């Protein structure tokens, strides 16, 4: 059973990928994983390691804070 945070993270990854306009094949090659693995990140079956998340965020030009649903103090 996925936790609420796992669901949020997978949803955020999926949204960032969709808004990037890049294919899962292109993303997979750029971050060093397989296309099925990228699909698993999007579905929430698997969460990326921190190093993979870092590469994903750099490639998609997005913030890990946004993916991880971290609110910054004001």
PDB file of N, CA and C in Angstrom:
ATOM      1  N   UNK A   1       0.829  -1.177   0.000  1.00  0.00           N
ATOM      2  CA  UNK A   1       0.000   0.000   0.000  1.00  0.00           C
ATOM      3  C   UNK A   1       0.882   1.253   0.000  1.00  0.00           C
ATOM      4  N   UNK A   2       0.620   2.137  -0.946  1.00  0.00           N
ATOM      5  CA  UNK A   2       1.402   3.358  -1.057  1.00  0.00           C
ATOM      6  C   UNK A   2       0.964   4.360   0.005  1.00  0.00           C
ATOM      7  N   UNK A   3       1.956   5.062   0.530  1.00  0.00           N
ATOM      8  CA  UNK A   3       1.630   6.128   1.474  1.00  0.00           C
ATOM      9  C   UNK A   3       1.114   7.338   0.695  1.00  0.00           C
ATOM     10  N   UNK A   4       0.515   8.238   1.421  1.00  0.00           N
ATOM     11  CA  UNK A   4       0.007   9.464   0.814  1.00  0.00           C
ATOM     12  C   UNK A   4       1.143  10.232   0.138  1.00  0.00           C
ATOM     13  N   UNK A   5       2.301  10.314   0.799  1.00  0.00           N
ATOM     14  CA  UNK A   5       3.442  11.032   0.233  1.00  0.00           C
ATOM     15  C   UNK A   5       3.936  10.354  -1.043  1.00  0.00           C
ATOM     16  N   UNK A   6       3.980   9.022  -1.063  1.00  0.00           N
ATOM     17  CA  UNK A   6       4.372   8.300  -2.272  1.00  0.00           C
ATOM     18  C   UNK A   6       3.443   8.637  -3.430  1.00  0.00           C
ATOM     19  N   UNK A   7       2.157   8.741  -3.144  1.00  0.00           N
ATOM     20  CA  UNK A   7       1.185   9.091  -4.185  1.00  0.00           C
ATOM     21  C   UNK A   7       1.433  10.502  -4.704  1.00  0.00           C
ATOM     22  N   UNK A   8       1.706  11.425  -3.810  1.00  0.00           N
ATOM     23  CA  UNK A   8       1.977  12.813  -4.193  1.00  0.00           C
ATOM     24  C   UNK A   8       3.239  12.896  -5.040  1.00  0.00           C
ATOM     25  N   UNK A   9       4.286  12.192  -4.621  1.00  0.00           N
ATOM     26  CA  UNK A   9       5.554  12.216  -5.358  1.00  0.00           C
ATOM     27  C   UNK A   9       5.359  11.663  -6.765  1.00  0.00           C
ATOM     28  N   UNK A  10       4.675  10.536  -6.893  1.00  0.00           N
ATOM     29  CA  UNK A  10       4.481   9.952  -8.223  1.00  0.00           C
ATOM     30  C   UNK A  10       3.624  10.871  -9.094  1.00  0.00           C
ATOM     31  N   UNK A  11       2.631  11.495  -8.509  1.00  0.00           N
ATOM     32  CA  UNK A  11       1.785  12.436  -9.252  1.00  0.00           C
ATOM     33  C   UNK A  11       2.607  13.639  -9.713  1.00  0.00           C
ATOM     34  N   UNK A  12       3.470  14.148  -8.839  1.00  0.00           N
ATOM     35  CA  UNK A  12       4.313  15.292  -9.191  1.00  0.00           C
ATOM     36  C   UNK A  12       5.314  14.930 -10.287  1.00  0.00           C
ATOM     37  N   UNK A  13       5.895  13.738 -10.214  1.00  0.00           N
ATOM     38  CA  UNK A  13       6.805  13.279 -11.264  1.00  0.00           C
ATOM     39  C   UNK A  13       6.052  13.184 -12.587  1.00  0.00           C
ATOM     40  N   UNK A  14       4.899  12.571 -12.551  1.00  0.00           N
ATOM     41  CA  UNK A  14       4.082  12.415 -13.767  1.00  0.00           C
ATOM     42  C   UNK A  14       3.743  13.780 -14.375  1.00  0.00           C
ATOM     43  N   UNK A  15       3.338  14.730 -13.536  1.00  0.00           N
ATOM     44  CA  UNK A  15       2.999  16.063 -14.024  1.00  0.00           C
ATOM     45  C   UNK A  15       4.200  16.788 -14.633  1.00  0.00           C
ATOM     46  N   UNK A  16       5.349  16.667 -13.991  1.00  0.00           N
ATOM     47  CA  UNK A  16       6.563  17.318 -14.520  1.00  0.00           C
ATOM     48  C   UNK A  16       6.962  16.701 -15.863  1.00  0.00           C
ATOM     49  N   UNK A  17       6.852  15.383 -15.970  1.00  0.00           N
ATOM     50  CA  UNK A  17       7.188  14.714 -17.226  1.00  0.00           C
ATOM     51  C   UNK A  17       6.227  15.141 -18.329  1.00  0.00           C
ATOM     52  N   UNK A  18       4.947  15.153 -18.016  1.00  0.00           N
ATOM     53  CA  UNK A  18       3.953  15.544 -19.025  1.00  0.00           C
ATOM     54  C   UNK A  18       4.158  16.982 -19.478  1.00  0.00           C
ATOM     55  N   UNK A  19       4.441  17.878 -18.546  1.00  0.00           N
ATOM     56  CA  UNK A  19       4.606  19.287 -18.918  1.00  0.00           C
ATOM     57  C   UNK A  19       5.935  19.552 -19.624  1.00  0.00           C
ATOM     58  N   UNK A  20       6.889  18.630 -19.498  1.00  0.00           N
ATOM     59  CA  UNK A  20       8.191  18.825 -20.142  1.00  0.00           C
ATOM     60  C   UNK A  20       8.133  18.630 -21.650  1.00  0.00           C
ATOM     61  N   UNK A  21       7.165  17.820 -22.109  1.00  0.00           N
ATOM     62  CA  UNK A  21       7.081  17.521 -23.529  1.00  0.00           C
ATOM     63  C   UNK A  21       8.100  16.484 -23.979  1.00  0.00           C
ATOM     64  N   UNK A  22       8.855  15.943 -23.052  1.00  0.00           N
ATOM     65  CA  UNK A  22       9.868  14.931 -23.381  1.00  0.00           C
ATOM     66  C   UNK A  22       9.260  13.539 -23.239  1.00  0.00           C
ATOM     67  N   UNK A  23       9.745  12.614 -24.044  1.00  0.00           N
ATOM     68  CA  UNK A  23       9.237  11.243 -23.983  1.00  0.00           C
ATOM     69  C   UNK A  23       9.881  10.494 -22.820  1.00  0.00           C
ATOM     70  N   UNK A  24       9.211   9.463 -22.363  1.00  0.00           N
ATOM     71  CA  UNK A  24       9.772   8.638 -21.287  1.00  0.00           C
ATOM     72  C   UNK A  24      11.053   7.961 -21.750  1.00  0.00           C
ATOM     73  N   UNK A  25      11.142   7.617 -23.027  1.00  0.00           N
ATOM     74  CA  UNK A  25      12.359   7.011 -23.580  1.00  0.00           C
ATOM     75  C   UNK A  25      13.519   7.997 -23.496  1.00  0.00           C
ATOM     76  N   UNK A  26      13.264   9.244 -23.865  1.00  0.00           N
ATOM     77  CA  UNK A  26      14.286  10.288 -23.818  1.00  0.00           C
ATOM     78  C   UNK A  26      14.730  10.543 -22.379  1.00  0.00           C
ATOM     79  N   UNK A  27      13.776  10.601 -21.478  1.00  0.00           N
ATOM     80  CA  UNK A  27      14.080  10.830 -20.063  1.00  0.00           C
ATOM     81  C   UNK A  27      14.890   9.671 -19.499  1.00  0.00           C
ATOM     82  N   UNK A  28      14.464   8.454 -19.797  1.00  0.00           N
ATOM     83  CA  UNK A  28      15.160   7.270 -19.295  1.00  0.00           C
ATOM     84  C   UNK A  28      16.621   7.265 -19.729  1.00  0.00           C
ATOM     85  N   UNK A  29      16.864   7.556 -21.002  1.00  0.00           N
ATOM     86  CA  UNK A  29      18.241   7.569 -21.506  1.00  0.00           C
ATOM     87  C   UNK A  29      19.073   8.648 -20.812  1.00  0.00           C
ATOM     88  N   UNK A  30      18.460   9.797 -20.571  1.00  0.00           N
ATOM     89  CA  UNK A  30      19.180  10.918 -19.967  1.00  0.00           C
ATOM     90  C   UNK A  30      19.537  10.682 -18.502  1.00  0.00           C
ATOM     91  N   UNK A  31      18.690   9.947 -17.779  1.00  0.00           N
ATOM     92  CA  UNK A  31      18.938   9.770 -16.337  1.00  0.00           C
ATOM     93  C   UNK A  31      19.490   8.389 -15.992  1.00  0.00           C
ATOM     94  N   UNK A  32      19.654   7.531 -17.018  1.00  0.00           N
ATOM     95  CA  UNK A  32      20.323   6.248 -16.795  1.00  0.00           C
ATOM     96  C   UNK A  32      19.452   5.140 -16.237  1.00  0.00           C
ATOM     97  N   UNK A  33      18.166   5.160 -16.575  1.00  0.00           N
ATOM     98  CA  UNK A  33      17.265   4.075 -16.172  1.00  0.00           C
ATOM     99  C   UNK A  33      16.509   3.601 -17.416  1.00  0.00           C
ATOM    100  N   UNK A  34      15.716   2.556 -17.273  1.00  0.00           N
ATOM    101  CA  UNK A  34      14.931   2.053 -18.393  1.00  0.00           C
ATOM    102  C   UNK A  34      13.608   2.815 -18.513  1.00  0.00           C
ATOM    103  N   UNK A  35      13.000   2.741 -19.692  1.00  0.00           N
ATOM    104  CA  UNK A  35      11.698   3.379 -19.887  1.00  0.00           C
ATOM    105  C   UNK A  35      10.651   2.799 -18.927  1.00  0.00           C
ATOM    106  N   UNK A  36      10.614   1.452 -18.733  1.00  0.00           N
ATOM    107  CA  UNK A  36       9.652   0.920 -17.752  1.00  0.00           C
ATOM    108  C   UNK A  36       9.866   1.472 -16.338  1.00  0.00           C
ATOM    109  N   UNK A  37      11.098   1.766 -15.987  1.00  0.00           N
ATOM    110  CA  UNK A  37      11.367   2.327 -14.669  1.00  0.00           C
ATOM    111  C   UNK A  37      10.765   3.729 -14.555  1.00  0.00           C
ATOM    112  N   UNK A  38      10.899   4.528 -15.607  1.00  0.00           N
ATOM    113  CA  UNK A  38      10.288   5.861 -15.605  1.00  0.00           C
ATOM    114  C   UNK A  38       8.775   5.720 -15.456  1.00  0.00           C
ATOM    115  N   UNK A  39       8.186   4.756 -16.152  1.00  0.00           N
ATOM    116  CA  UNK A  39       6.745   4.512 -16.032  1.00  0.00           C
ATOM    117  C   UNK A  39       6.371   4.120 -14.609  1.00  0.00           C
ATOM    118  N   UNK A  40       7.233   3.347 -13.953  1.00  0.00           N
ATOM    119  CA  UNK A  40       6.972   2.949 -12.566  1.00  0.00           C
ATOM    120  C   UNK A  40       7.061   4.150 -11.626  1.00  0.00           C
ATOM    121  N   UNK A  41       7.950   5.098 -11.920  1.00  0.00           N
ATOM    122  CA  UNK A  41       8.004   6.327 -11.119  1.00  0.00           C
ATOM    123  C   UNK A  41       6.680   7.073 -11.249  1.00  0.00           C
ATOM    124  N   UNK A  42       6.149   7.117 -12.464  1.00  0.00           N
ATOM    125  CA  UNK A  42       4.900   7.851 -12.721  1.00  0.00           C
ATOM    126  C   UNK A  42       3.692   7.177 -12.072  1.00  0.00           C
ATOM    127  N   UNK A  43       3.712   5.863 -12.011  1.00  0.00           N
ATOM    128  CA  UNK A  43       2.580   5.134 -11.428  1.00  0.00           C
ATOM    129  C   UNK A  43       2.699   4.981  -9.923  1.00  0.00           C
ATOM    130  N   UNK A  44       3.878   5.232  -9.387  1.00  0.00           N
ATOM    131  CA  UNK A  44       4.089   5.107  -7.952  1.00  0.00           C
ATOM    132  C   UNK A  44       4.492   3.718  -7.503  1.00  0.00           C
ATOM    133  N   UNK A  45       4.732   2.823  -8.454  1.00  0.00           N
ATOM    134  CA  UNK A  45       5.165   1.472  -8.075  1.00  0.00           C
ATOM    135  C   UNK A  45       6.568   1.481  -7.498  1.00  0.00           C
ATOM    136  N   UNK A  46       7.375   2.436  -7.956  1.00  0.00           N
ATOM    137  CA  UNK A  46       8.766   2.564  -7.515  1.00  0.00           C
ATOM    138  C   UNK A  46       9.056   4.042  -7.323  1.00  0.00           C
ATOM    139  N   UNK A  47       9.864   4.368  -6.338  1.00  0.00           N
ATOM    140  CA  UNK A  47      10.313   5.739  -6.142  1.00  0.00           C
ATOM    141  C   UNK A  47      11.779   5.827  -6.569  1.00  0.00           C
ATOM    142  N   UNK A  48      12.171   6.920  -7.209  1.00  0.00           N
ATOM    143  CA  UNK A  48      13.578   7.060  -7.619  1.00  0.00           C
ATOM    144  C   UNK A  48      14.478   7.248  -6.406  1.00  0.00           C
ATOM    145  N   UNK A  49      15.716   6.765  -6.551  1.00  0.00           N
ATOM    146  CA  UNK A  49      16.715   7.040  -5.519  1.00  0.00           C
ATOM    147  C   UNK A  49      16.994   8.544  -5.526  1.00  0.00           C
ATOM    148  N   UNK A  50      17.656   9.032  -4.514  1.00  0.00           N
ATOM    149  CA  UNK A  50      17.960  10.460  -4.449  1.00  0.00           C
ATOM    150  C   UNK A  50      18.846  10.896  -5.618  1.00  0.00           C
ATOM    151  N   UNK A  51      19.818  10.075  -5.986  1.00  0.00           N
ATOM    152  CA  UNK A  51      20.686  10.447  -7.106  1.00  0.00           C
ATOM    153  C   UNK A  51      19.912  10.464  -8.416  1.00  0.00           C
ATOM    154  N   UNK A  52      19.003   9.512  -8.593  1.00  0.00           N
ATOM    155  CA  UNK A  52      18.182   9.492  -9.798  1.00  0.00           C
ATOM    156  C   UNK A  52      17.210  10.659  -9.806  1.00  0.00           C
ATOM    157  N   UNK A  53      16.637  10.967  -8.667  1.00  0.00           N
ATOM    158  CA  UNK A  53      15.736  12.114  -8.568  1.00  0.00           C
ATOM    159  C   UNK A  53      16.479  13.399  -8.924  1.00  0.00           C
ATOM    160  N   UNK A  54      17.707  13.521  -8.477  1.00  0.00           N
ATOM    161  CA  UNK A  54      18.520  14.689  -8.795  1.00  0.00           C
ATOM    162  C   UNK A  54      18.732  14.810 -10.305  1.00  0.00           C
ATOM    163  N   UNK A  55      19.097  13.700 -10.950  1.00  0.00           N
ATOM    164  CA  UNK A  55      19.286  13.718 -12.413  1.00  0.00           C
ATOM    165  C   UNK A  55      17.985  14.043 -13.132  1.00  0.00           C
ATOM    166  N   UNK A  56      16.867  13.483 -12.639  1.00  0.00           N
ATOM    167  CA  UNK A  56      15.562  13.730 -13.238  1.00  0.00           C
ATOM    168  C   UNK A  56      15.205  15.219 -13.154  1.00  0.00           C
ATOM    169  N   UNK A  57      15.395  15.795 -11.984  1.00  0.00           N
ATOM    170  CA  UNK A  57      15.075  17.213 -11.802  1.00  0.00           C
ATOM    171  C   UNK A  57      15.957  18.097 -12.681  1.00  0.00           C
ATOM    172  N   UNK A  58      17.233  17.782 -12.763  1.00  0.00           N
ATOM    173  CA  UNK A  58      18.121  18.564 -13.622  1.00  0.00           C
ATOM    174  C   UNK A  58      17.688  18.454 -15.077  1.00  0.00           C
ATOM    175  N   UNK A  59      17.369  17.247 -15.525  1.00  0.00           N
ATOM    176  CA  UNK A  59      16.985  17.048 -16.921  1.00  0.00           C
ATOM    177  C   UNK A  59      15.664  17.746 -17.238  1.00  0.00           C
ATOM    178  N   UNK A  60      14.715  17.683 -16.314  1.00  0.00           N
ATOM    179  CA  UNK A  60      13.412  18.304 -16.540  1.00  0.00           C
ATOM    180  C   UNK A  60      13.390  19.780 -16.160  1.00  0.00           C
ATOM    181  N   UNK A  61      14.495  20.266 -15.587  1.00  0.00           N
ATOM    182  CA  UNK A  61      14.603  21.653 -15.126  1.00  0.00           C
ATOM    183  C   UNK A  61      13.474  21.994 -14.151  1.00  0.00           C
ATOM    184  N   UNK A  62      13.355  21.143 -13.131  1.00  0.00           N
ATOM    185  CA  UNK A  62      12.349  21.372 -12.098  1.00  0.00           C
ATOM    186  C   UNK A  62      13.001  21.238 -10.725  1.00  0.00           C
ATOM    187  N   UNK A  63      12.285  21.628  -9.719  1.00  0.00           N
ATOM    188  CA  UNK A  63      12.793  21.610  -8.352  1.00  0.00           C
ATOM    189  C   UNK A  63      12.440  20.299  -7.648  1.00  0.00           C
ATOM    190  N   UNK A  64      13.410  19.739  -6.936  1.00  0.00           N
ATOM    191  CA  UNK A  64      13.130  18.557  -6.119  1.00  0.00           C
ATOM    192  C   UNK A  64      12.125  18.898  -5.023  1.00  0.00           C
ATOM    193  N   UNK A  65      12.126  20.147  -4.560  1.00  0.00           N
ATOM    194  CA  UNK A  65      11.149  20.579  -3.559  1.00  0.00           C
ATOM    195  C   UNK A  65       9.731  20.405  -4.088  1.00  0.00           C
ATOM    196  N   UNK A  66       9.539  20.743  -5.360  1.00  0.00           N
ATOM    197  CA  UNK A  66       8.212  20.587  -5.960  1.00  0.00           C
ATOM    198  C   UNK A  66       7.833  19.120  -6.089  1.00  0.00           C
ATOM    199  N   UNK A  67       8.772  18.286  -6.493  1.00  0.00           N
ATOM    200  CA  UNK A  67       8.506  16.850  -6.634  1.00  0.00           C
ATOM    201  C   UNK A  67       8.175  16.237  -5.273  1.00  0.00           C
ATOM    202  N   UNK A  68       8.964  16.605  -4.263  1.00  0.00           N
ATOM    203  CA  UNK A  68       8.813  16.020  -2.931  1.00  0.00           C
ATOM    204  C   UNK A  68       7.750  16.705  -2.089  1.00  0.00           C
ATOM    205  N   UNK A  69       7.133  17.733  -2.645  1.00  0.00           N
ATOM    206  CA  UNK A  69       6.052  18.442  -1.964  1.00  0.00           C
ATOM    207  C   UNK A  69       6.536  19.120  -0.684  1.00  0.00           C
ATOM    208  N   UNK A  70       7.708  19.752  -0.779  1.00  0.00           N
ATOM    209  CA  UNK A  70       8.307  20.423   0.379  1.00  0.00           C
ATOM    210  C   UNK A  70       7.949  21.905   0.316  1.00  0.00           C
ATOM    211  N   UNK A  71       7.301  22.376   1.352  1.00  0.00           N
ATOM    212  CA  UNK A  71       6.984  23.802   1.451  1.00  0.00           C
ATOM    213  C   UNK A  71       8.141  24.507   2.125  1.00  0.00           C
ATOM    214  N   UNK A  72       8.566  25.600   1.535  1.00  0.00           N
ATOM    215  CA  UNK A  72       9.653  26.377   2.127  1.00  0.00           C
ATOM    216  C   UNK A  72       9.083  27.341   3.156  1.00  0.00           C
ATOM    217  N   UNK A  73       9.799  27.548   4.255  1.00  0.00           N
ATOM    218  CA  UNK A  73       9.333  28.505   5.260  1.00  0.00           C
ATOM    219  C   UNK A  73       9.309  29.911   4.682  1.00  0.00           C
ATOM    220  N   UNK A  74       8.384  30.692   5.171  1.00  0.00           N
ATOM    221  CA  UNK A  74       8.255  32.079   4.658  1.00  0.00           C
ATOM    222  C   UNK A  74       8.758  33.068   5.635  1.00  0.00           C
TER     223      UNK A  74
END
